[in-house]
Structure formats: structure tokens, C-alpha cells
Amino acid sequence: MSLARDEPHDMAHEFTHIRTVEFAETDMAGIVHFSNFFRYMEATEHAFFASLGLDLHTEADGRVQGFVRVHASCDYLAPATNRDRIAIHLTVIEKREKSLRYRCEFRLEGDAAVIARGEMQVVHVGKSNGDERMRACNMPAETQRLIEVAPEPRT
């Protein structure tokens, strides 16, 4: 499946983000450096939220809130190189009052083979004026309403 741009899906539990690998993201062997897959996951999460009209970080009335990463992992199955177009497919696999967990599958655009598979767990935190540190808190009602967990795949 070839996507020309970011495309939200029918439900707010998945999203596909397309990006082109830049030369600076590759290592001496000419393949994407492993650390960039974490950046790609975070950029996909940001695009997913934006597609829903949501922000990952807000500041209003003296209150700062947003999502922090508490876990991230990635398994690498095949290389990507300079100028490759990568489709990053994000799926929401868990939602709690204060956290979300995503799975990301990476494919070269137009190819069905998965080249990497990652997961990321984020926790919603907030801080009011006078607070010294961020604390876990419930996600905003609009975020809770718009984002849902993907249905289990049928076997």
C-alpha cells in the first residue's frame, strides 16, 4: 500500500506517517542509524495527535501538561537507506486513564515487509504554578474521548 501523505484511519486507534530518510540519519554503512527509529516513532505520535486536533504538550492558566516517555523499544529486521520512504504505522494497543501504549511497524513505502517493529509507552503528566515537579495525572477528557484501543486482530 502506498501512501502519499500522513493518513488518519477510520478509527482513532491507528495512523500512518510517511517520511523520507535523510542522509544525516544514516551511519557509515549507509543505513538508518538505530536511534532514528525512536525519533520516527515520536514524530508519528505527534502527527497522530495533530490529525485529531490534539497537542502532546499544552500550557494554559499556569498549568503545563503533556506526555513523557516511560518505555521505548525497537527490533530491527531489515535496513533502510538514504532517500528511502518509510511508512510508520502506529497502533494504540493500550489506553489507561494516565497512559497510552503504541506499537509501530516500519515498512518501506509500497512494500508489505516489516523492516522494524517498536513499542512506546507514554504517561500524561502535569505541573501547576508552584509545583516543583511533574506528576502523573489523568489525560484530558478530549484525549480520552478521541483515542481508543485498536481491536484485537482476528485469528
N, C-alpha and C. Protein backbone atom coordinates (compact mmCIF):
# COMPACT_ATOMS: atom_id res chain seq x y z
N MET A 1 0.85 -1.17 0.00
CA MET A 1 0.00 0.00 0.00
C MET A 1 0.89 1.23 0.00
N SER A 2 0.67 2.13 -0.90
CA SER A 2 1.48 3.34 -0.99
C SER A 2 0.66 4.54 -0.53
N LEU A 3 1.18 5.25 0.45
CA LEU A 3 0.52 6.44 0.96
C LEU A 3 1.33 7.66 0.58
N ALA A 4 0.68 8.66 0.05
CA ALA A 4 1.39 9.86 -0.38
C ALA A 4 1.61 10.85 0.74
N ARG A 5 0.87 10.70 1.83
CA ARG A 5 0.98 11.66 2.94
C ARG A 5 0.50 11.00 4.21
N ASP A 6 0.55 11.75 5.33
CA ASP A 6 0.01 11.22 6.58
C ASP A 6 -1.47 10.95 6.36
N GLU A 7 -1.91 9.80 6.81
CA GLU A 7 -3.32 9.48 6.64
C GLU A 7 -3.90 8.93 7.93
N PRO A 8 -4.90 9.63 8.51
CA PRO A 8 -5.60 9.03 9.64
C PRO A 8 -6.46 7.90 9.10
N HIS A 9 -6.78 6.96 9.94
CA HIS A 9 -7.61 5.84 9.53
C HIS A 9 -9.01 6.06 10.04
N ASP A 10 -9.91 5.13 9.74
CA ASP A 10 -11.31 5.29 10.10
C ASP A 10 -11.52 5.53 11.59
N MET A 11 -10.72 4.88 12.41
CA MET A 11 -10.87 4.98 13.84
C MET A 11 -9.63 5.65 14.43
N ALA A 12 -9.77 6.25 15.61
CA ALA A 12 -8.65 6.92 16.25
C ALA A 12 -7.83 5.94 17.08
N HIS A 13 -7.48 4.82 16.45
CA HIS A 13 -6.61 3.85 17.13
C HIS A 13 -5.42 3.48 16.27
N GLU A 14 -5.34 4.06 15.05
CA GLU A 14 -4.19 3.80 14.20
C GLU A 14 -3.95 4.99 13.29
N PHE A 15 -2.73 5.06 12.79
CA PHE A 15 -2.31 6.21 11.98
C PHE A 15 -1.04 5.81 11.23
N THR A 16 -0.92 6.27 9.99
CA THR A 16 0.29 6.01 9.22
C THR A 16 0.94 7.33 8.84
N HIS A 17 2.23 7.42 9.09
CA HIS A 17 3.04 8.61 8.81
C HIS A 17 4.13 8.20 7.82
N ILE A 18 4.31 9.00 6.77
CA ILE A 18 5.33 8.71 5.76
C ILE A 18 6.45 9.73 5.89
N ARG A 19 7.69 9.23 5.83
CA ARG A 19 8.83 10.16 5.85
C ARG A 19 9.93 9.61 4.95
N THR A 20 10.73 10.55 4.44
CA THR A 20 11.87 10.20 3.60
C THR A 20 13.13 10.23 4.45
N VAL A 21 13.94 9.17 4.36
CA VAL A 21 15.20 9.11 5.10
C VAL A 21 16.15 10.16 4.56
N GLU A 22 16.75 10.92 5.45
CA GLU A 22 17.74 11.93 5.08
C GLU A 22 19.15 11.37 5.29
N PHE A 23 20.10 11.87 4.51
CA PHE A 23 21.47 11.39 4.59
C PHE A 23 22.01 11.45 6.02
N ALA A 24 21.72 12.53 6.74
CA ALA A 24 22.24 12.72 8.10
C ALA A 24 21.71 11.67 9.08
N GLU A 25 20.67 10.94 8.70
CA GLU A 25 20.10 9.91 9.57
C GLU A 25 20.75 8.54 9.37
N THR A 26 21.72 8.48 8.46
CA THR A 26 22.37 7.20 8.17
C THR A 26 23.75 7.13 8.81
N ASP A 27 24.23 5.89 8.96
CA ASP A 27 25.56 5.67 9.56
C ASP A 27 26.60 5.45 8.46
N MET A 28 27.80 5.07 8.86
CA MET A 28 28.89 4.87 7.89
C MET A 28 28.59 3.76 6.89
N ALA A 29 27.72 2.83 7.23
CA ALA A 29 27.35 1.75 6.32
C ALA A 29 26.25 2.20 5.35
N GLY A 30 25.73 3.43 5.54
CA GLY A 30 24.70 3.95 4.66
C GLY A 30 23.29 3.54 5.04
N ILE A 31 23.11 2.95 6.23
CA ILE A 31 21.77 2.57 6.67
C ILE A 31 21.32 3.48 7.81
N VAL A 32 20.01 3.56 8.01
CA VAL A 32 19.47 4.42 9.06
C VAL A 32 20.03 3.98 10.41
N HIS A 33 20.61 4.94 11.15
CA HIS A 33 21.13 4.66 12.49
C HIS A 33 19.97 4.26 13.39
N PHE A 34 20.18 3.25 14.22
CA PHE A 34 19.11 2.69 15.04
C PHE A 34 18.36 3.73 15.86
N SER A 35 19.07 4.74 16.35
CA SER A 35 18.44 5.73 17.23
C SER A 35 17.35 6.53 16.52
N ASN A 36 17.45 6.65 15.20
CA ASN A 36 16.46 7.43 14.47
C ASN A 36 15.08 6.78 14.45
N PHE A 37 15.01 5.47 14.64
CA PHE A 37 13.70 4.82 14.68
C PHE A 37 12.89 5.33 15.88
N PHE A 38 13.56 5.68 16.97
CA PHE A 38 12.86 6.24 18.13
C PHE A 38 12.34 7.64 17.80
N ARG A 39 13.11 8.42 17.06
CA ARG A 39 12.65 9.74 16.61
C ARG A 39 11.45 9.59 15.68
N TYR A 40 11.52 8.59 14.79
CA TYR A 40 10.42 8.37 13.87
C TYR A 40 9.14 7.99 14.61
N MET A 41 9.26 7.17 15.66
CA MET A 41 8.07 6.81 16.45
C MET A 41 7.47 8.05 17.10
N GLU A 42 8.32 8.89 17.67
CA GLU A 42 7.83 10.09 18.34
C GLU A 42 7.20 11.07 17.35
N ALA A 43 7.80 11.22 16.17
CA ALA A 43 7.23 12.10 15.15
C ALA A 43 5.87 11.57 14.67
N THR A 44 5.75 10.25 14.58
CA THR A 44 4.48 9.64 14.18
C THR A 44 3.42 9.88 15.24
N GLU A 45 3.79 9.75 16.51
CA GLU A 45 2.86 10.03 17.60
C GLU A 45 2.39 11.49 17.50
N HIS A 46 3.31 12.41 17.27
CA HIS A 46 2.95 13.83 17.16
C HIS A 46 1.98 14.05 16.00
N ALA A 47 2.25 13.43 14.85
CA ALA A 47 1.37 13.57 13.68
C ALA A 47 0.00 12.95 13.95
N PHE A 48 -0.04 11.83 14.68
CA PHE A 48 -1.30 11.18 15.06
C PHE A 48 -2.13 12.15 15.90
N PHE A 49 -1.53 12.72 16.93
CA PHE A 49 -2.26 13.67 17.78
C PHE A 49 -2.74 14.87 16.96
N ALA A 50 -1.88 15.41 16.11
CA ALA A 50 -2.25 16.56 15.28
C ALA A 50 -3.43 16.22 14.36
N SER A 51 -3.47 14.99 13.84
CA SER A 51 -4.57 14.59 12.95
C SER A 51 -5.91 14.59 13.68
N LEU A 52 -5.86 14.49 15.01
CA LEU A 52 -7.07 14.51 15.83
C LEU A 52 -7.36 15.89 16.42
N GLY A 53 -6.51 16.86 16.10
CA GLY A 53 -6.67 18.20 16.65
C GLY A 53 -6.19 18.31 18.08
N LEU A 54 -5.32 17.39 18.50
CA LEU A 54 -4.81 17.38 19.87
C LEU A 54 -3.35 17.80 19.90
N ASP A 55 -2.89 18.25 21.07
CA ASP A 55 -1.49 18.59 21.29
C ASP A 55 -0.88 17.63 22.29
N LEU A 56 0.39 17.30 22.10
CA LEU A 56 1.11 16.46 23.05
C LEU A 56 1.55 17.26 24.28
N HIS A 57 1.65 18.56 24.13
CA HIS A 57 2.13 19.43 25.21
C HIS A 57 1.29 20.70 25.19
N THR A 58 0.76 21.09 26.35
CA THR A 58 -0.02 22.32 26.44
C THR A 58 0.41 23.12 27.65
N GLU A 59 0.16 24.39 27.55
CA GLU A 59 0.45 25.31 28.65
C GLU A 59 -0.66 26.35 28.67
N ALA A 60 -1.45 26.35 29.74
CA ALA A 60 -2.56 27.30 29.86
C ALA A 60 -2.87 27.52 31.33
N ASP A 61 -3.20 28.77 31.65
CA ASP A 61 -3.60 29.13 33.01
C ASP A 61 -2.62 28.64 34.06
N GLY A 62 -1.33 28.74 33.77
CA GLY A 62 -0.31 28.35 34.72
C GLY A 62 -0.12 26.86 34.88
N ARG A 63 -0.76 26.08 34.03
CA ARG A 63 -0.63 24.62 34.09
C ARG A 63 0.04 24.11 32.82
N VAL A 64 1.09 23.33 33.02
CA VAL A 64 1.80 22.69 31.93
C VAL A 64 1.45 21.21 31.98
N GLN A 65 1.12 20.63 30.83
CA GLN A 65 0.84 19.20 30.80
C GLN A 65 1.26 18.61 29.47
N GLY A 66 1.53 17.33 29.50
CA GLY A 66 1.93 16.65 28.29
C GLY A 66 2.24 15.20 28.57
N PHE A 67 2.86 14.56 27.59
CA PHE A 67 3.16 13.13 27.68
C PHE A 67 4.66 12.92 27.74
N VAL A 68 5.09 12.09 28.67
CA VAL A 68 6.50 11.73 28.79
C VAL A 68 6.63 10.25 28.43
N ARG A 69 7.79 9.89 27.90
CA ARG A 69 8.05 8.51 27.52
C ARG A 69 8.59 7.76 28.72
N VAL A 70 7.99 6.61 29.02
CA VAL A 70 8.48 5.81 30.13
C VAL A 70 9.05 4.48 29.65
N HIS A 71 8.78 4.13 28.41
CA HIS A 71 9.35 2.92 27.84
C HIS A 71 9.36 3.04 26.32
N ALA A 72 10.45 2.59 25.71
CA ALA A 72 10.54 2.53 24.25
C ALA A 72 11.45 1.38 23.88
N SER A 73 11.05 0.62 22.86
CA SER A 73 11.87 -0.49 22.38
C SER A 73 11.68 -0.60 20.87
N CYS A 74 12.66 -1.23 20.22
CA CYS A 74 12.56 -1.41 18.78
C CYS A 74 13.39 -2.62 18.37
N ASP A 75 12.81 -3.45 17.51
CA ASP A 75 13.50 -4.58 16.91
C ASP A 75 13.70 -4.26 15.44
N TYR A 76 14.90 -4.52 14.95
CA TYR A 76 15.28 -4.17 13.58
C TYR A 76 15.36 -5.45 12.75
N LEU A 77 14.66 -5.47 11.62
CA LEU A 77 14.55 -6.68 10.82
C LEU A 77 15.24 -6.55 9.46
N ALA A 78 15.29 -5.34 8.92
CA ALA A 78 15.93 -5.10 7.61
C ALA A 78 16.33 -3.63 7.55
N PRO A 79 17.33 -3.29 6.76
CA PRO A 79 17.81 -1.91 6.72
C PRO A 79 16.94 -0.98 5.89
N ALA A 80 17.04 0.31 6.21
CA ALA A 80 16.52 1.39 5.38
C ALA A 80 17.71 2.28 5.08
N THR A 81 17.72 2.91 3.92
CA THR A 81 18.86 3.71 3.48
C THR A 81 18.42 5.11 3.06
N ASN A 82 19.41 5.94 2.77
CA ASN A 82 19.17 7.32 2.34
C ASN A 82 18.16 7.37 1.20
N ARG A 83 17.21 8.27 1.33
CA ARG A 83 16.15 8.55 0.36
C ARG A 83 15.04 7.52 0.32
N ASP A 84 15.15 6.44 1.12
CA ASP A 84 14.02 5.52 1.22
C ASP A 84 12.84 6.26 1.82
N ARG A 85 11.64 5.90 1.38
CA ARG A 85 10.43 6.44 2.01
C ARG A 85 9.90 5.35 2.92
N ILE A 86 9.75 5.72 4.19
CA ILE A 86 9.32 4.77 5.21
C ILE A 86 7.91 5.11 5.65
N ALA A 87 7.05 4.09 5.69
CA ALA A 87 5.70 4.23 6.24
C ALA A 87 5.75 3.69 7.67
N ILE A 88 5.44 4.56 8.63
CA ILE A 88 5.42 4.17 10.04
C ILE A 88 3.95 4.05 10.45
N HIS A 89 3.52 2.85 10.77
CA HIS A 89 2.13 2.59 11.13
C HIS A 89 2.02 2.46 12.65
N LEU A 90 1.35 3.43 13.28
CA LEU A 90 1.16 3.46 14.73
C LEU A 90 -0.20 2.85 15.06
N THR A 91 -0.22 1.95 16.04
CA THR A 91 -1.45 1.36 16.53
C THR A 91 -1.50 1.54 18.05
N VAL A 92 -2.63 2.02 18.56
CA VAL A 92 -2.81 2.15 20.02
C VAL A 92 -3.17 0.77 20.54
N ILE A 93 -2.30 0.22 21.40
CA ILE A 93 -2.54 -1.14 21.90
C ILE A 93 -2.98 -1.17 23.37
N GLU A 94 -2.89 -0.02 24.04
CA GLU A 94 -3.36 0.05 25.43
C GLU A 94 -3.67 1.50 25.77
N LYS A 95 -4.77 1.69 26.50
CA LYS A 95 -5.13 3.03 26.99
C LYS A 95 -5.62 2.89 28.41
N ARG A 96 -5.01 3.68 29.27
CA ARG A 96 -5.45 3.77 30.67
C ARG A 96 -5.77 5.23 30.94
N GLU A 97 -6.21 5.55 32.15
CA GLU A 97 -6.56 6.95 32.46
C GLU A 97 -5.38 7.89 32.32
N LYS A 98 -4.17 7.39 32.60
CA LYS A 98 -2.99 8.25 32.59
C LYS A 98 -1.95 7.86 31.55
N SER A 99 -2.18 6.82 30.77
CA SER A 99 -1.13 6.37 29.85
C SER A 99 -1.67 5.76 28.57
N LEU A 100 -0.78 5.73 27.59
CA LEU A 100 -1.05 5.10 26.29
C LEU A 100 0.14 4.23 25.94
N ARG A 101 -0.11 3.15 25.20
CA ARG A 101 0.98 2.34 24.68
C ARG A 101 0.71 2.12 23.20
N TYR A 102 1.77 2.33 22.40
CA TYR A 102 1.68 2.21 20.95
C TYR A 102 2.58 1.10 20.44
N ARG A 103 2.18 0.51 19.31
CA ARG A 103 3.07 -0.34 18.53
C ARG A 103 3.30 0.39 17.20
N CYS A 104 4.53 0.39 16.75
CA CYS A 104 4.86 1.00 15.46
C CYS A 104 5.49 -0.05 14.56
N GLU A 105 4.97 -0.18 13.35
CA GLU A 105 5.57 -1.04 12.35
C GLU A 105 6.09 -0.17 11.22
N PHE A 106 7.32 -0.45 10.84
CA PHE A 106 8.01 0.32 9.81
C PHE A 106 8.10 -0.52 8.54
N ARG A 107 7.70 0.06 7.41
CA ARG A 107 7.81 -0.61 6.11
C ARG A 107 8.36 0.39 5.11
N LEU A 108 9.09 -0.11 4.13
CA LEU A 108 9.45 0.75 3.01
C LEU A 108 8.16 1.00 2.25
N GLU A 109 7.95 2.23 1.82
CA GLU A 109 6.70 2.58 1.15
C GLU A 109 6.47 1.65 -0.04
N GLY A 110 5.26 1.11 -0.11
CA GLY A 110 4.90 0.22 -1.20
C GLY A 110 5.30 -1.23 -1.00
N ASP A 111 5.93 -1.55 0.13
CA ASP A 111 6.37 -2.91 0.40
C ASP A 111 5.65 -3.42 1.64
N ALA A 112 5.22 -4.66 1.61
CA ALA A 112 4.48 -5.23 2.75
C ALA A 112 5.39 -5.72 3.87
N ALA A 113 6.68 -5.91 3.58
CA ALA A 113 7.60 -6.47 4.58
C ALA A 113 7.90 -5.45 5.68
N VAL A 114 7.81 -5.90 6.93
CA VAL A 114 8.14 -5.05 8.08
C VAL A 114 9.66 -4.99 8.22
N ILE A 115 10.22 -3.78 8.29
CA ILE A 115 11.68 -3.64 8.46
C ILE A 115 12.06 -3.38 9.91
N ALA A 116 11.11 -2.91 10.72
CA ALA A 116 11.36 -2.71 12.15
C ALA A 116 10.01 -2.68 12.86
N ARG A 117 10.05 -3.04 14.14
CA ARG A 117 8.83 -3.07 14.95
C ARG A 117 9.19 -2.50 16.32
N GLY A 118 8.46 -1.47 16.74
CA GLY A 118 8.76 -0.84 18.02
C GLY A 118 7.53 -0.66 18.88
N GLU A 119 7.78 -0.35 20.15
CA GLU A 119 6.70 -0.01 21.09
C GLU A 119 7.13 1.19 21.91
N MET A 120 6.14 1.95 22.31
CA MET A 120 6.41 3.12 23.14
C MET A 120 5.25 3.27 24.12
N GLN A 121 5.57 3.51 25.40
CA GLN A 121 4.56 3.79 26.40
C GLN A 121 4.77 5.21 26.90
N VAL A 122 3.67 5.96 26.95
CA VAL A 122 3.73 7.35 27.40
C VAL A 122 2.77 7.56 28.56
N VAL A 123 3.14 8.46 29.46
CA VAL A 123 2.31 8.79 30.62
C VAL A 123 2.00 10.28 30.57
N HIS A 124 0.74 10.61 30.83
CA HIS A 124 0.33 12.01 30.87
C HIS A 124 0.73 12.61 32.21
N VAL A 125 1.41 13.75 32.18
CA VAL A 125 1.86 14.42 33.39
C VAL A 125 1.43 15.88 33.36
N GLY A 126 1.39 16.48 34.54
CA GLY A 126 1.03 17.88 34.64
C GLY A 126 1.77 18.55 35.78
N LYS A 127 1.85 19.87 35.67
CA LYS A 127 2.53 20.68 36.68
C LYS A 127 1.83 22.04 36.72
N SER A 128 1.44 22.46 37.92
CA SER A 128 0.81 23.78 38.09
C SER A 128 1.83 24.76 38.65
N ASN A 129 1.51 26.05 38.54
CA ASN A 129 2.39 27.06 39.14
C ASN A 129 2.65 26.70 40.59
N GLY A 130 3.90 26.78 41.00
CA GLY A 130 4.27 26.46 42.36
C GLY A 130 4.71 25.02 42.56
N ASP A 131 4.28 24.13 41.67
CA ASP A 131 4.74 22.75 41.76
C ASP A 131 6.20 22.67 41.31
N GLU A 132 6.97 21.85 41.98
CA GLU A 132 8.37 21.70 41.61
C GLU A 132 8.59 20.63 40.56
N ARG A 133 7.69 19.68 40.48
CA ARG A 133 7.90 18.61 39.51
C ARG A 133 6.60 18.15 38.87
N MET A 134 6.76 17.53 37.73
CA MET A 134 5.62 16.97 37.02
C MET A 134 5.11 15.74 37.77
N ARG A 135 3.81 15.54 37.70
CA ARG A 135 3.20 14.37 38.33
C ARG A 135 2.24 13.71 37.34
N ALA A 136 2.15 12.40 37.41
CA ALA A 136 1.20 11.69 36.56
C ALA A 136 -0.21 12.15 36.88
N CYS A 137 -1.00 12.36 35.84
CA CYS A 137 -2.39 12.78 36.03
C CYS A 137 -3.22 12.24 34.86
N ASN A 138 -4.53 12.25 35.04
CA ASN A 138 -5.42 11.75 34.00
C ASN A 138 -5.26 12.55 32.71
N MET A 139 -5.40 11.86 31.60
CA MET A 139 -5.38 12.54 30.30
C MET A 139 -6.60 13.45 30.20
N PRO A 140 -6.51 14.52 29.42
CA PRO A 140 -7.68 15.38 29.22
C PRO A 140 -8.85 14.58 28.65
N ALA A 141 -10.06 15.01 28.98
CA ALA A 141 -11.27 14.31 28.55
C ALA A 141 -11.32 14.17 27.02
N GLU A 142 -10.90 15.19 26.29
CA GLU A 142 -10.94 15.13 24.83
C GLU A 142 -9.99 14.07 24.29
N THR A 143 -8.83 13.93 24.90
CA THR A 143 -7.88 12.89 24.50
C THR A 143 -8.48 11.52 24.80
N GLN A 144 -9.06 11.36 25.98
CA GLN A 144 -9.72 10.10 26.35
C GLN A 144 -10.83 9.76 25.36
N ARG A 145 -11.58 10.77 24.94
CA ARG A 145 -12.71 10.55 24.04
C ARG A 145 -12.26 10.17 22.64
N LEU A 146 -11.22 10.81 22.13
CA LEU A 146 -10.83 10.63 20.73
C LEU A 146 -9.93 9.42 20.47
N ILE A 147 -9.11 9.05 21.43
CA ILE A 147 -8.17 7.95 21.20
C ILE A 147 -8.72 6.68 21.81
N GLU A 148 -8.69 5.61 21.03
CA GLU A 148 -9.20 4.33 21.52
C GLU A 148 -8.19 3.23 21.22
N VAL A 149 -8.38 2.11 21.86
CA VAL A 149 -7.51 0.96 21.65
C VAL A 149 -7.96 0.22 20.40
N ALA A 150 -7.00 -0.22 19.61
CA ALA A 150 -7.31 -0.96 18.40
C ALA A 150 -7.96 -2.30 18.76
N PRO A 151 -8.87 -2.75 17.93
CA PRO A 151 -9.46 -4.07 18.19
C PRO A 151 -8.41 -5.17 18.04
N GLU A 152 -8.62 -6.25 18.76
CA GLU A 152 -7.71 -7.40 18.67
C GLU A 152 -7.80 -7.98 17.26
N PRO A 153 -6.65 -8.34 16.67
CA PRO A 153 -6.72 -8.96 15.34
C PRO A 153 -7.42 -10.31 15.42
N ARG A 154 -8.17 -10.61 14.37
CA ARG A 154 -8.87 -11.90 14.32
C ARG A 154 -7.91 -12.98 13.88
N THR A 155 -8.04 -14.14 14.49
CA THR A 155 -7.16 -15.25 14.10
C THR A 155 -7.94 -16.36 13.46
